[in-house]
Protein backbone atom coordinates (compact mmCIF):
# COMPACT_ATOMS: atom_id res chain seq x y z
CA UNK A 1 183.61 115.32 81.31
CA UNK A 2 180.28 117.22 80.92
CA UNK A 3 179.56 115.55 77.58
CA UNK A 4 180.12 112.13 79.09
CA UNK A 5 177.68 113.08 81.92
CA UNK A 6 175.26 114.51 79.40
CA UNK A 7 175.48 111.32 77.22
CA UNK A 8 174.78 109.08 80.24
CA UNK A 9 171.80 111.13 81.15
CA UNK A 10 170.44 110.88 77.50
CA UNK A 11 171.04 107.09 77.61
CA UNK A 12 168.98 106.76 80.94
CA UNK A 13 166.34 108.91 79.49
CA UNK A 14 166.08 106.89 76.47
CA UNK A 15 165.90 103.69 78.45
CA UNK A 16 163.04 105.04 80.51
CA UNK A 17 161.07 106.10 77.47
CA UNK A 18 161.81 102.87 75.48
CA UNK A 19 159.69 100.83 78.05
CA UNK A 20 159.15 99.88 81.64
CA UNK A 21 161.66 97.86 83.53
CA UNK A 22 160.80 94.65 85.16
CA UNK A 23 159.35 95.32 88.59
CA UNK A 24 157.58 98.63 87.69
CA UNK A 25 153.79 98.35 88.42
CA UNK A 26 151.77 98.72 85.40
CA UNK A 27 148.78 101.00 85.45
CA UNK A 28 145.35 99.29 84.39
CA UNK A 29 144.16 100.25 80.98
CA UNK A 30 140.55 101.10 80.35
CA UNK A 31 138.74 98.54 78.09
CA UNK A 32 138.76 99.71 74.56
CA UNK A 33 135.49 101.05 73.34
CA UNK A 34 133.76 101.59 76.75
CA UNK A 35 132.56 105.18 77.37
CA UNK A 36 130.17 106.94 79.79
CA UNK A 37 128.88 110.47 79.86
CA UNK A 38 126.03 112.76 80.74
CA UNK A 39 124.47 114.51 77.65
CA UNK A 40 126.10 115.11 74.22
CA UNK A 41 126.95 118.26 72.40
CA UNK A 42 124.71 119.13 69.46
CA UNK A 43 125.28 120.82 66.09
CA UNK A 44 123.79 124.13 67.53
CA UNK A 45 124.91 123.88 71.14
CA UNK A 46 128.30 123.00 72.45
CA UNK A 47 129.49 122.49 76.05
CA UNK A 48 126.77 120.03 77.17
CA UNK A 49 129.01 116.86 77.60
CA UNK A 50 128.98 115.99 81.42
CA UNK A 51 126.94 118.98 82.43
CA UNK A 52 123.42 118.78 83.83
CA UNK A 53 121.08 121.17 82.08
CA UNK A 54 118.36 122.45 84.40
CA UNK A 55 114.86 122.71 82.71
CA UNK A 56 115.84 120.37 79.94
CA UNK A 57 115.94 116.66 79.13
CA UNK A 58 119.09 115.05 80.40
CA UNK A 59 120.29 111.60 79.17
CA UNK A 60 122.98 109.22 80.41
CA UNK A 61 125.01 107.77 77.45
CA UNK A 62 127.46 104.79 77.35
CA UNK A 63 129.18 102.72 74.74
CA UNK A 64 129.20 99.02 76.10
CA UNK A 65 130.47 96.36 73.75
CA UNK A 66 129.20 92.75 73.99
CA UNK A 67 125.51 92.89 73.19
CA UNK A 68 123.44 91.75 70.30
CA UNK A 69 124.82 93.32 67.21
CA UNK A 70 125.31 97.05 67.76
CA UNK A 71 123.18 97.08 70.94
CA UNK A 72 124.49 97.09 74.51
CA UNK A 73 123.80 94.11 76.61
CA UNK A 74 120.43 94.54 78.52
CA UNK A 75 122.25 94.00 81.80
CA UNK A 76 124.04 97.41 81.43
CA UNK A 77 122.86 99.84 84.04
CA UNK A 78 123.59 103.51 85.11
CA UNK A 79 123.82 104.71 88.77
CA UNK A 80 124.61 108.06 90.40
CA UNK A 81 123.90 109.32 93.91
CA UNK A 82 122.29 112.52 92.63
CA UNK A 83 120.34 111.29 89.60
CA UNK A 84 117.00 109.25 89.23
CA UNK A 85 117.56 106.86 86.30
CA UNK A 86 114.55 106.42 83.80
CA UNK A 87 113.73 104.63 80.69
CA UNK A 88 116.53 102.69 79.23
CA UNK A 89 117.16 102.29 75.43
CA UNK A 90 119.55 99.55 74.40
CA UNK A 91 120.42 100.47 70.80
CA UNK A 92 122.76 102.72 68.76
CA UNK A 93 122.08 106.36 68.56
CA UNK A 94 122.61 108.51 65.51
CA UNK A 95 125.54 110.84 65.76
CA UNK A 96 126.43 109.82 69.39
CA UNK A 97 129.06 107.23 70.19
CA UNK A 98 126.66 105.32 72.36
CA UNK A 99 124.63 102.04 72.31
CA UNK A 100 122.81 102.54 75.54
CA UNK A 101 121.09 105.50 77.01
CA UNK A 102 118.67 106.34 79.94
CA UNK A 103 116.61 109.34 80.73
CA UNK A 104 117.85 111.02 84.06
CA UNK A 105 116.50 113.55 86.57
CA UNK A 106 118.24 115.40 89.19
CA UNK A 107 117.16 114.48 92.74
CA UNK A 108 115.48 117.31 94.71
CA UNK A 109 117.88 119.17 96.88
CA UNK A 110 121.06 118.34 95.06
CA UNK A 111 123.58 121.28 95.51
CA UNK A 112 125.77 122.50 92.69
CA UNK A 113 128.96 120.58 92.25
CA UNK A 114 130.60 117.59 90.71
CA UNK A 115 129.19 114.18 90.97
CA UNK A 116 129.85 110.58 89.47
CA UNK A 117 127.85 108.77 86.84
CA UNK A 118 128.78 105.11 86.59
CA UNK A 119 127.84 102.52 84.00
CA UNK A 120 127.99 98.85 84.82
CA UNK A 121 129.17 97.22 81.51
CA UNK A 122 129.69 93.42 81.23
CA UNK A 123 130.29 93.15 85.01
CA UNK A 124 132.77 96.07 85.36
CA UNK A 125 132.05 99.73 86.43
CA UNK A 126 133.17 102.77 84.47
CA UNK A 127 132.69 106.31 85.85
CA UNK A 128 132.48 109.79 84.48
CA UNK A 129 132.23 112.98 86.53
CA UNK A 130 129.56 115.58 85.52
CA UNK A 131 128.81 118.99 86.93
CA UNK A 132 125.55 120.54 88.23
CA UNK A 133 125.52 124.35 87.82
CA UNK A 134 123.55 126.57 90.15
CA UNK A 135 119.96 127.31 89.06
CA UNK A 136 119.25 130.54 87.31
CA UNK A 137 117.03 133.07 89.11
CA UNK A 138 113.74 132.81 87.24
CA UNK A 139 111.66 135.51 88.90
CA UNK A 140 112.17 139.13 89.90
CA UNK A 141 112.18 139.48 93.62
CA UNK A 142 109.17 141.15 95.15
CA UNK A 143 109.48 144.88 95.32
CA UNK A 144 112.40 144.88 92.82
CA UNK A 145 112.64 147.48 90.13
CA UNK A 146 111.26 146.29 86.68
CA UNK A 147 112.77 147.65 83.54
CA UNK A 148 110.50 149.65 81.39
CA UNK A 149 107.61 150.01 83.99
CA UNK A 150 108.33 153.65 84.83
CA UNK A 151 109.02 152.90 88.61
CA UNK A 152 112.48 154.60 88.43
CA UNK A 153 111.23 157.70 86.49
CA UNK A 154 111.69 161.08 88.29
């Protein structure tokens, strides 16, 4: 009896894995070849993808098929509620899977957190999430001890 139940469960599982039955909703699949991200890793620095880097150049990147040759369509645009989008370049980049890029700057007063970066590609929107880390303290507070200045010597 247990073997028959087990065989029935295996048969049901195989049917589920074989493919969706009629009436099940299909999840929309992303268009092949479309990507969007903030920044890209380099040969000497990893962990830059989808992270805003304070005090450095930041670039929105996307792969948007349908342009002239390897270029993205000039109608391709980026948007984000916390980024100011600057100069666009509609062409392939060396070593980066993208054919459109734009300079971006963080809007003043943006708090650390996660935010969307959207590309409008061929009339459709595609979104990635990027993070904004807290800013590093760049100055020693007034009256604070300074290493090596002798202020803590007895």
